[in-house]
Amino acid sequence: MDLTKADWRKSSYTGPNGGDCVELASVPDMVSVRDSKDPDGPKLLVTRRAFAALLSDIKR
């Protein structure tokens, strides 16, 4: 999947100095995740359902 035009967003918990953070991009039927310090590095693509399950588990 071509992610060159994806609209990446940083976590709302990111401080003014950046730090250890991930960025997310919504793409058709998927969510892409990347390391904010390495935007040209690998990206993880997961289904929206899998991402929602991850967030649900994290919140517990």
Protein backbone atom coordinates (compact mmCIF):
# COMPACT_ATOMS: atom_id res chain seq x y z
CA MET A 1 0.00 0.00 0.00
CA ASP A 2 1.34 3.43 -0.94
CA LEU A 3 1.50 5.60 2.19
CA THR A 4 3.40 8.55 0.70
CA LYS A 5 0.28 10.74 0.77
CA ALA A 6 -1.07 9.49 4.10
CA ASP A 7 -2.11 12.11 6.64
CA TRP A 8 0.01 11.20 9.69
CA ARG A 9 -1.04 12.36 13.17
CA LYS A 10 0.98 12.27 16.39
CA SER A 11 -0.48 11.18 19.66
CA SER A 12 -2.17 13.88 21.70
CA TYR A 13 0.13 12.80 24.55
CA THR A 14 3.23 13.91 22.63
CA GLY A 15 5.09 16.63 24.49
CA PRO A 16 6.61 19.73 22.90
CA ASN A 17 9.96 17.98 22.46
CA GLY A 18 8.55 14.99 20.61
CA GLY A 19 10.00 12.05 22.50
CA ASP A 20 9.09 8.43 22.10
CA CYS A 21 5.92 8.56 20.08
CA VAL A 22 3.99 6.86 17.33
CA GLU A 23 2.10 8.42 14.46
CA LEU A 24 -1.12 7.08 12.97
CA ALA A 25 -2.64 7.41 9.53
CA SER A 26 -6.09 6.29 8.48
CA VAL A 27 -6.14 4.57 5.12
CA PRO A 28 -9.04 2.69 3.51
CA ASP A 29 -10.17 -0.04 5.94
CA MET A 30 -6.82 0.08 7.77
CA VAL A 31 -4.76 2.03 10.29
CA SER A 32 -1.06 2.54 9.71
CA VAL A 33 1.40 3.07 12.57
CA ARG A 34 4.97 4.38 12.39
CA ASP A 35 7.71 5.64 14.69
CA SER A 36 7.67 9.45 14.76
CA LYS A 37 11.48 9.52 15.00
CA ASP A 38 11.85 7.37 11.86
CA PRO A 39 9.13 8.48 9.41
CA ASP A 40 10.87 6.74 6.50
CA GLY A 41 11.23 3.50 8.44
CA PRO A 42 8.86 0.55 8.56
CA LYS A 43 5.13 0.99 8.96
CA LEU A 44 2.63 -1.37 10.54
CA LEU A 45 -0.72 -1.83 8.81
CA VAL A 46 -3.59 -3.29 10.83
CA THR A 47 -7.31 -3.54 10.27
CA ARG A 48 -9.49 -1.01 12.04
CA ARG A 49 -11.03 -3.85 14.05
CA ALA A 50 -7.62 -5.07 15.22
CA PHE A 51 -6.57 -1.53 16.14
CA ALA A 52 -9.79 -0.99 18.11
CA ALA A 53 -9.15 -4.26 19.97
CA LEU A 54 -5.59 -3.13 20.77
CA LEU A 55 -6.84 0.18 22.17
CA SER A 56 -9.49 -1.62 24.19
CA ASP A 57 -6.88 -3.95 25.72
CA ILE A 58 -4.54 -1.04 26.49
CA LYS A 59 -7.28 0.85 28.33
CA ARG A 60 -7.90 -2.04 30.73
